Amino acid sequence: MASWHLVDPEGRRTSAGAAVAPLLRLLPGGAPAARIADRFPGAVEGAYRWVVRHRGTLGRVITAGAARRARRRIAARGG
């Protein structure tokens, strides 16, 4: 629970803040944000750690309806 991992299409695994830029590169339109994340890895890692420390509080902001919609979208994509 302290981290998340991304395995890219080539099988490379990255974790925590270091996985943000590779994930963004996989998303449509994510290349500009990935370049920013690559340029400021310390800031990205710091932001990631802040979110991890506050995920309980941040999770309470998500409405039940938004969570249901997200689950449906993930399921529709085979996740």
PDB file of N, CA and C in Angstrom:
ATOM      1  N   MET A   1       0.806  -1.195   0.000  1.00  0.00           N
ATOM      2  CA  MET A   1       0.000   0.000   0.000  1.00  0.00           C
ATOM      3  C   MET A   1       0.853   1.265   0.000  1.00  0.00           C
ATOM      4  N   ALA A   2       2.144   1.147   0.154  1.00  0.00           N
ATOM      5  CA  ALA A   2       2.998   2.331   0.193  1.00  0.00           C
ATOM      6  C   ALA A   2       3.318   2.851  -1.205  1.00  0.00           C
ATOM      7  N   SER A   3       3.030   2.073  -2.240  1.00  0.00           N
ATOM      8  CA  SER A   3       3.393   2.494  -3.579  1.00  0.00           C
ATOM      9  C   SER A   3       2.481   1.831  -4.599  1.00  0.00           C
ATOM     10  N   TRP A   4       2.613   2.270  -5.825  1.00  0.00           N
ATOM     11  CA  TRP A   4       1.949   1.620  -6.953  1.00  0.00           C
ATOM     12  C   TRP A   4       3.021   1.355  -7.990  1.00  0.00           C
ATOM     13  N   HIS A   5       2.717   0.473  -8.910  1.00  0.00           N
ATOM     14  CA  HIS A   5       3.694   0.066  -9.913  1.00  0.00           C
ATOM     15  C   HIS A   5       3.058   0.129 -11.293  1.00  0.00           C
ATOM     16  N   LEU A   6       3.860   0.509 -12.248  1.00  0.00           N
ATOM     17  CA  LEU A   6       3.436   0.516 -13.642  1.00  0.00           C
ATOM     18  C   LEU A   6       4.342  -0.431 -14.402  1.00  0.00           C
ATOM     19  N   VAL A   7       3.741  -1.341 -15.142  1.00  0.00           N
ATOM     20  CA  VAL A   7       4.490  -2.199 -16.057  1.00  0.00           C
ATOM     21  C   VAL A   7       4.109  -1.736 -17.455  1.00  0.00           C
ATOM     22  N   ASP A   8       5.074  -1.201 -18.176  1.00  0.00           N
ATOM     23  CA  ASP A   8       4.778  -0.647 -19.500  1.00  0.00           C
ATOM     24  C   ASP A   8       4.687  -1.769 -20.537  1.00  0.00           C
ATOM     25  N   PRO A   9       4.284  -1.440 -21.750  1.00  0.00           N
ATOM     26  CA  PRO A   9       4.128  -2.475 -22.782  1.00  0.00           C
ATOM     27  C   PRO A   9       5.394  -3.275 -23.072  1.00  0.00           C
ATOM     28  N   GLU A  10       6.567  -2.710 -22.771  1.00  0.00           N
ATOM     29  CA  GLU A  10       7.820  -3.444 -22.983  1.00  0.00           C
ATOM     30  C   GLU A  10       8.201  -4.289 -21.768  1.00  0.00           C
ATOM     31  N   GLY A  11       7.380  -4.243 -20.717  1.00  0.00           N
ATOM     32  CA  GLY A  11       7.637  -5.043 -19.524  1.00  0.00           C
ATOM     33  C   GLY A  11       8.478  -4.359 -18.466  1.00  0.00           C
ATOM     34  N   ARG A  12       8.830  -3.089 -18.667  1.00  0.00           N
ATOM     35  CA  ARG A  12       9.604  -2.360 -17.653  1.00  0.00           C
ATOM     36  C   ARG A  12       8.680  -1.960 -16.514  1.00  0.00           C
ATOM     37  N   ARG A  13       9.187  -2.099 -15.292  1.00  0.00           N
ATOM     38  CA  ARG A  13       8.399  -1.727 -14.122  1.00  0.00           C
ATOM     39  C   ARG A  13       8.997  -0.491 -13.479  1.00  0.00           C
ATOM     40  N   THR A  14       8.139   0.485 -13.190  1.00  0.00           N
ATOM     41  CA  THR A  14       8.531   1.653 -12.426  1.00  0.00           C
ATOM     42  C   THR A  14       7.516   1.811 -11.298  1.00  0.00           C
ATOM     43  N   SER A  15       7.919   2.508 -10.250  1.00  0.00           N
ATOM     44  CA  SER A  15       7.078   2.613  -9.068  1.00  0.00           C
ATOM     45  C   SER A  15       7.038   4.041  -8.547  1.00  0.00           C
ATOM     46  N   ALA A  16       6.009   4.315  -7.775  1.00  0.00           N
ATOM     47  CA  ALA A  16       5.840   5.585  -7.059  1.00  0.00           C
ATOM     48  C   ALA A  16       5.882   6.753  -8.039  1.00  0.00           C
ATOM     49  N   GLY A  17       6.491   7.863  -7.638  1.00  0.00           N
ATOM     50  CA  GLY A  17       6.548   9.050  -8.476  1.00  0.00           C
ATOM     51  C   GLY A  17       7.268   8.821  -9.787  1.00  0.00           C
ATOM     52  N   ALA A  18       8.227   7.911  -9.804  1.00  0.00           N
ATOM     53  CA  ALA A  18       8.981   7.626 -11.036  1.00  0.00           C
ATOM     54  C   ALA A  18       8.091   7.024 -12.125  1.00  0.00           C
ATOM     55  N   ALA A  19       6.935   6.491 -11.750  1.00  0.00           N
ATOM     56  CA  ALA A  19       6.032   5.880 -12.728  1.00  0.00           C
ATOM     57  C   ALA A  19       5.070   6.886 -13.357  1.00  0.00           C
ATOM     58  N   VAL A  20       5.040   8.113 -12.845  1.00  0.00           N
ATOM     59  CA  VAL A  20       4.090   9.103 -13.354  1.00  0.00           C
ATOM     60  C   VAL A  20       4.368   9.455 -14.809  1.00  0.00           C
ATOM     61  N   ALA A  21       5.595   9.828 -15.143  1.00  0.00           N
ATOM     62  CA  ALA A  21       5.904  10.215 -16.529  1.00  0.00           C
ATOM     63  C   ALA A  21       5.663   9.062 -17.505  1.00  0.00           C
ATOM     64  N   PRO A  22       6.120   7.830 -17.216  1.00  0.00           N
ATOM     65  CA  PRO A  22       5.825   6.738 -18.142  1.00  0.00           C
ATOM     66  C   PRO A  22       4.317   6.495 -18.322  1.00  0.00           C
ATOM     67  N   LEU A  23       3.549   6.641 -17.239  1.00  0.00           N
ATOM     68  CA  LEU A  23       2.096   6.487 -17.358  1.00  0.00           C
ATOM     69  C   LEU A  23       1.516   7.577 -18.247  1.00  0.00           C
ATOM     70  N   LEU A  24       1.940   8.809 -18.016  1.00  0.00           N
ATOM     71  CA  LEU A  24       1.423   9.909 -18.825  1.00  0.00           C
ATOM     72  C   LEU A  24       1.731   9.714 -20.308  1.00  0.00           C
ATOM     73  N   ARG A  25       2.908   9.165 -20.621  1.00  0.00           N
ATOM     74  CA  ARG A  25       3.254   8.919 -22.022  1.00  0.00           C
ATOM     75  C   ARG A  25       2.321   7.896 -22.664  1.00  0.00           C
ATOM     76  N   LEU A  26       1.731   7.012 -21.867  1.00  0.00           N
ATOM     77  CA  LEU A  26       0.809   6.003 -22.393  1.00  0.00           C
ATOM     78  C   LEU A  26      -0.594   6.550 -22.621  1.00  0.00           C
ATOM     79  N   LEU A  27      -0.919   7.683 -22.016  1.00  0.00           N
ATOM     80  CA  LEU A  27      -2.264   8.247 -22.115  1.00  0.00           C
ATOM     81  C   LEU A  27      -2.390   9.167 -23.315  1.00  0.00           C
ATOM     82  N   PRO A  28      -3.546   9.147 -23.976  1.00  0.00           N
ATOM     83  CA  PRO A  28      -3.753  10.090 -25.083  1.00  0.00           C
ATOM     84  C   PRO A  28      -3.593  11.525 -24.582  1.00  0.00           C
ATOM     85  N   GLY A  29      -2.774  12.283 -25.240  1.00  0.00           N
ATOM     86  CA  GLY A  29      -2.564  13.672 -24.863  1.00  0.00           C
ATOM     87  C   GLY A  29      -1.680  13.868 -23.651  1.00  0.00           C
ATOM     88  N   GLY A  30      -1.067  12.798 -23.148  1.00  0.00           N
ATOM     89  CA  GLY A  30      -0.266  12.903 -21.938  1.00  0.00           C
ATOM     90  C   GLY A  30       1.187  13.303 -22.142  1.00  0.00           C
ATOM     91  N   ALA A  31       1.635  13.370 -23.377  1.00  0.00           N
ATOM     92  CA  ALA A  31       3.058  13.652 -23.645  1.00  0.00           C
ATOM     93  C   ALA A  31       3.527  14.984 -23.062  1.00  0.00           C
ATOM     94  N   PRO A  32       2.772  16.081 -23.194  1.00  0.00           N
ATOM     95  CA  PRO A  32       3.256  17.344 -22.606  1.00  0.00           C
ATOM     96  C   PRO A  32       3.438  17.254 -21.083  1.00  0.00           C
ATOM     97  N   ALA A  33       2.481  16.650 -20.410  1.00  0.00           N
ATOM     98  CA  ALA A  33       2.602  16.500 -18.953  1.00  0.00           C
ATOM     99  C   ALA A  33       3.755  15.561 -18.602  1.00  0.00           C
ATOM    100  N   ALA A  34       3.992  14.537 -19.425  1.00  0.00           N
ATOM    101  CA  ALA A  34       5.111  13.622 -19.185  1.00  0.00           C
ATOM    102  C   ALA A  34       6.440  14.357 -19.273  1.00  0.00           C
ATOM    103  N   ARG A  35       6.552  15.282 -20.213  1.00  0.00           N
ATOM    104  CA  ARG A  35       7.790  16.062 -20.333  1.00  0.00           C
ATOM    105  C   ARG A  35       8.028  16.901 -19.076  1.00  0.00           C
ATOM    106  N   ILE A  36       6.959  17.461 -18.546  1.00  0.00           N
ATOM    107  CA  ILE A  36       7.082  18.242 -17.300  1.00  0.00           C
ATOM    108  C   ILE A  36       7.497  17.327 -16.153  1.00  0.00           C
ATOM    109  N   ALA A  37       6.865  16.164 -16.053  1.00  0.00           N
ATOM    110  CA  ALA A  37       7.206  15.216 -14.989  1.00  0.00           C
ATOM    111  C   ALA A  37       8.654  14.757 -15.109  1.00  0.00           C
ATOM    112  N   ASP A  38       9.123  14.547 -16.338  1.00  0.00           N
ATOM    113  CA  ASP A  38      10.522  14.158 -16.551  1.00  0.00           C
ATOM    114  C   ASP A  38      11.475  15.274 -16.128  1.00  0.00           C
ATOM    115  N   ARG A  39      11.067  16.506 -16.330  1.00  0.00           N
ATOM    116  CA  ARG A  39      11.941  17.646 -16.016  1.00  0.00           C
ATOM    117  C   ARG A  39      12.053  17.893 -14.514  1.00  0.00           C
ATOM    118  N   PHE A  40      11.001  17.546 -13.773  1.00  0.00           N
ATOM    119  CA  PHE A  40      10.967  17.824 -12.332  1.00  0.00           C
ATOM    120  C   PHE A  40      10.676  16.556 -11.519  1.00  0.00           C
ATOM    121  N   PRO A  41      11.552  15.559 -11.600  1.00  0.00           N
ATOM    122  CA  PRO A  41      11.263  14.290 -10.914  1.00  0.00           C
ATOM    123  C   PRO A  41      11.161  14.437  -9.398  1.00  0.00           C
ATOM    124  N   GLY A  42      11.936  15.317  -8.803  1.00  0.00           N
ATOM    125  CA  GLY A  42      11.857  15.507  -7.355  1.00  0.00           C
ATOM    126  C   GLY A  42      10.512  16.052  -6.924  1.00  0.00           C
ATOM    127  N   ALA A  43       9.994  16.999  -7.690  1.00  0.00           N
ATOM    128  CA  ALA A  43       8.685  17.570  -7.379  1.00  0.00           C
ATOM    129  C   ALA A  43       7.574  16.533  -7.560  1.00  0.00           C
ATOM    130  N   VAL A  44       7.688  15.720  -8.610  1.00  0.00           N
ATOM    131  CA  VAL A  44       6.688  14.677  -8.850  1.00  0.00           C
ATOM    132  C   VAL A  44       6.711  13.666  -7.707  1.00  0.00           C
ATOM    133  N   GLU A  45       7.900  13.250  -7.306  1.00  0.00           N
ATOM    134  CA  GLU A  45       8.013  12.291  -6.194  1.00  0.00           C
ATOM    135  C   GLU A  45       7.451  12.898  -4.917  1.00  0.00           C
ATOM    136  N   GLY A  46       7.752  14.168  -4.653  1.00  0.00           N
ATOM    137  CA  GLY A  46       7.213  14.829  -3.473  1.00  0.00           C
ATOM    138  C   GLY A  46       5.698  14.901  -3.500  1.00  0.00           C
ATOM    139  N   ALA A  47       5.139  15.240  -4.661  1.00  0.00           N
ATOM    140  CA  ALA A  47       3.681  15.293  -4.794  1.00  0.00           C
ATOM    141  C   ALA A  47       3.075  13.910  -4.599  1.00  0.00           C
ATOM    142  N   TYR A  48       3.722  12.897  -5.166  1.00  0.00           N
ATOM    143  CA  TYR A  48       3.237  11.522  -4.995  1.00  0.00           C
ATOM    144  C   TYR A  48       3.219  11.154  -3.515  1.00  0.00           C
ATOM    145  N   ARG A  49       4.295  11.424  -2.819  1.00  0.00           N
ATOM    146  CA  ARG A  49       4.368  11.093  -1.379  1.00  0.00           C
ATOM    147  C   ARG A  49       3.306  11.852  -0.584  1.00  0.00           C
ATOM    148  N   TRP A  50       3.029  13.110  -0.947  1.00  0.00           N
ATOM    149  CA  TRP A  50       1.996  13.885  -0.269  1.00  0.00           C
ATOM    150  C   TRP A  50       0.630  13.221  -0.458  1.00  0.00           C
ATOM    151  N   VAL A  51       0.327  12.808  -1.696  1.00  0.00           N
ATOM    152  CA  VAL A  51      -0.947  12.134  -1.967  1.00  0.00           C
ATOM    153  C   VAL A  51      -1.037  10.839  -1.169  1.00  0.00           C
ATOM    154  N   VAL A  52       0.052  10.073  -1.132  1.00  0.00           N
ATOM    155  CA  VAL A  52       0.046   8.815  -0.371  1.00  0.00           C
ATOM    156  C   VAL A  52      -0.271   9.077   1.101  1.00  0.00           C
ATOM    157  N   ARG A  53       0.344  10.091   1.672  1.00  0.00           N
ATOM    158  CA  ARG A  53       0.103  10.399   3.094  1.00  0.00           C
ATOM    159  C   ARG A  53      -1.318  10.887   3.357  1.00  0.00           C
ATOM    160  N   HIS A  54      -1.972  11.438   2.346  1.00  0.00           N
ATOM    161  CA  HIS A  54      -3.304  12.018   2.532  1.00  0.00           C
ATOM    162  C   HIS A  54      -4.399  11.281   1.767  1.00  0.00           C
ATOM    163  N   ARG A  55      -4.123  10.070   1.301  1.00  0.00           N
ATOM    164  CA  ARG A  55      -5.107   9.390   0.457  1.00  0.00           C
ATOM    165  C   ARG A  55      -6.421   9.117   1.157  1.00  0.00           C
ATOM    166  N   GLY A  56      -6.402   8.894   2.467  1.00  0.00           N
ATOM    167  CA  GLY A  56      -7.653   8.680   3.182  1.00  0.00           C
ATOM    168  C   GLY A  56      -8.544   9.902   3.106  1.00  0.00           C
ATOM    169  N   THR A  57      -7.971  11.053   3.352  1.00  0.00           N
ATOM    170  CA  THR A  57      -8.726  12.305   3.280  1.00  0.00           C
ATOM    171  C   THR A  57      -9.159  12.585   1.844  1.00  0.00           C
ATOM    172  N   LEU A  58      -8.259  12.412   0.910  1.00  0.00           N
ATOM    173  CA  LEU A  58      -8.589  12.663  -0.491  1.00  0.00           C
ATOM    174  C   LEU A  58      -9.674  11.704  -0.981  1.00  0.00           C
ATOM    175  N   GLY A  59      -9.639  10.471  -0.521  1.00  0.00           N
ATOM    176  CA  GLY A  59     -10.639   9.482  -0.913  1.00  0.00           C
ATOM    177  C   GLY A  59     -12.035   9.847  -0.459  1.00  0.00           C
ATOM    178  N   ARG A  60     -12.153  10.559   0.645  1.00  0.00           N
ATOM    179  CA  ARG A  60     -13.476  10.958   1.121  1.00  0.00           C
ATOM    180  C   ARG A  60     -14.109  12.021   0.235  1.00  0.00           C
ATOM    181  N   VAL A  61     -13.315  12.687  -0.580  1.00  0.00           N
ATOM    182  CA  VAL A  61     -13.827  13.718  -1.477  1.00  0.00           C
ATOM    183  C   VAL A  61     -14.537  13.094  -2.683  1.00  0.00           C
ATOM    184  N   ILE A  62     -14.162  11.870  -3.011  1.00  0.00           N
ATOM    185  CA  ILE A  62     -14.744  11.178  -4.163  1.00  0.00           C
ATOM    186  C   ILE A  62     -16.157  10.736  -3.811  1.00  0.00           C
ATOM    187  N   THR A  63     -17.125  11.156  -4.608  1.00  0.00           N
ATOM    188  CA  THR A  63     -18.508  10.774  -4.336  1.00  0.00           C
ATOM    189  C   THR A  63     -18.745   9.321  -4.724  1.00  0.00           C
ATOM    190  N   ALA A  64     -19.776   8.736  -4.172  1.00  0.00           N
ATOM    191  CA  ALA A  64     -20.126   7.356  -4.508  1.00  0.00           C
ATOM    192  C   ALA A  64     -20.459   7.247  -5.997  1.00  0.00           C
ATOM    193  N   GLY A  65     -21.126   8.248  -6.539  1.00  0.00           N
ATOM    194  CA  GLY A  65     -21.464   8.231  -7.968  1.00  0.00           C
ATOM    195  C   GLY A  65     -20.224   8.246  -8.846  1.00  0.00           C
ATOM    196  N   ALA A  66     -19.248   9.056  -8.482  1.00  0.00           N
ATOM    197  CA  ALA A  66     -18.008   9.105  -9.260  1.00  0.00           C
ATOM    198  C   ALA A  66     -17.279   7.769  -9.183  1.00  0.00           C
ATOM    199  N   ALA A  67     -17.285   7.147  -8.028  1.00  0.00           N
ATOM    200  CA  ALA A  67     -16.631   5.840  -7.873  1.00  0.00           C
ATOM    201  C   ALA A  67     -17.333   4.788  -8.732  1.00  0.00           C
ATOM    202  N   ARG A  68     -18.656   4.812  -8.765  1.00  0.00           N
ATOM    203  CA  ARG A  68     -19.407   3.853  -9.603  1.00  0.00           C
ATOM    204  C   ARG A  68     -19.081   4.061 -11.079  1.00  0.00           C
ATOM    205  N   ARG A  69     -19.064   5.319 -11.514  1.00  0.00           N
ATOM    206  CA  ARG A  69     -18.740   5.594 -12.922  1.00  0.00           C
ATOM    207  C   ARG A  69     -17.333   5.112 -13.265  1.00  0.00           C
ATOM    208  N   ALA A  70     -16.393   5.335 -12.373  1.00  0.00           N
ATOM    209  CA  ALA A  70     -15.018   4.895 -12.618  1.00  0.00           C
ATOM    210  C   ALA A  70     -14.945   3.382 -12.715  1.00  0.00           C
ATOM    211  N   ARG A  71     -15.624   2.684 -11.804  1.00  0.00           N
ATOM    212  CA  ARG A  71     -15.618   1.216 -11.856  1.00  0.00           C
ATOM    213  C   ARG A  71     -16.227   0.704 -13.164  1.00  0.00           C
ATOM    214  N   ARG A  72     -17.313   1.337 -13.609  1.00  0.00           N
ATOM    215  CA  ARG A  72     -17.940   0.919 -14.884  1.00  0.00           C
ATOM    216  C   ARG A  72     -16.991   1.137 -16.054  1.00  0.00           C
ATOM    217  N   ARG A  73     -16.304   2.272 -16.076  1.00  0.00           N
ATOM    218  CA  ARG A  73     -15.375   2.548 -17.171  1.00  0.00           C
ATOM    219  C   ARG A  73     -14.216   1.569 -17.176  1.00  0.00           C
ATOM    220  N   ILE A  74     -13.699   1.265 -16.000  1.00  0.00           N
ATOM    221  CA  ILE A  74     -12.596   0.300 -15.910  1.00  0.00           C
ATOM    222  C   ILE A  74     -13.057  -1.070 -16.382  1.00  0.00           C
ATOM    223  N   ALA A  75     -14.245  -1.482 -15.946  1.00  0.00           N
ATOM    224  CA  ALA A  75     -14.768  -2.790 -16.347  1.00  0.00           C
ATOM    225  C   ALA A  75     -15.015  -2.836 -17.859  1.00  0.00           C
ATOM    226  N   ALA A  76     -15.503  -1.749 -18.426  1.00  0.00           N
ATOM    227  CA  ALA A  76     -15.779  -1.711 -19.873  1.00  0.00           C
ATOM    228  C   ALA A  76     -14.503  -1.849 -20.693  1.00  0.00           C
ATOM    229  N   ARG A  77     -13.373  -1.462 -20.117  1.00  0.00           N
ATOM    230  CA  ARG A  77     -12.096  -1.557 -20.830  1.00  0.00           C
ATOM    231  C   ARG A  77     -11.358  -2.853 -20.498  1.00  0.00           C
ATOM    232  N   GLY A  78     -12.028  -3.746 -19.797  1.00  0.00           N
ATOM    233  CA  GLY A  78     -11.435  -5.038 -19.485  1.00  0.00           C
ATOM    234  C   GLY A  78     -10.529  -5.038 -18.283  1.00  0.00           C
ATOM    235  N   GLY A  79     -10.647  -4.024 -17.429  1.00  0.00           N
ATOM    236  CA  GLY A  79      -9.784  -3.916 -16.248  1.00  0.00           C
ATOM    237  C   GLY A  79     -10.272  -4.657 -15.055  1.00  0.00           C
TER     238      GLY A  79
END
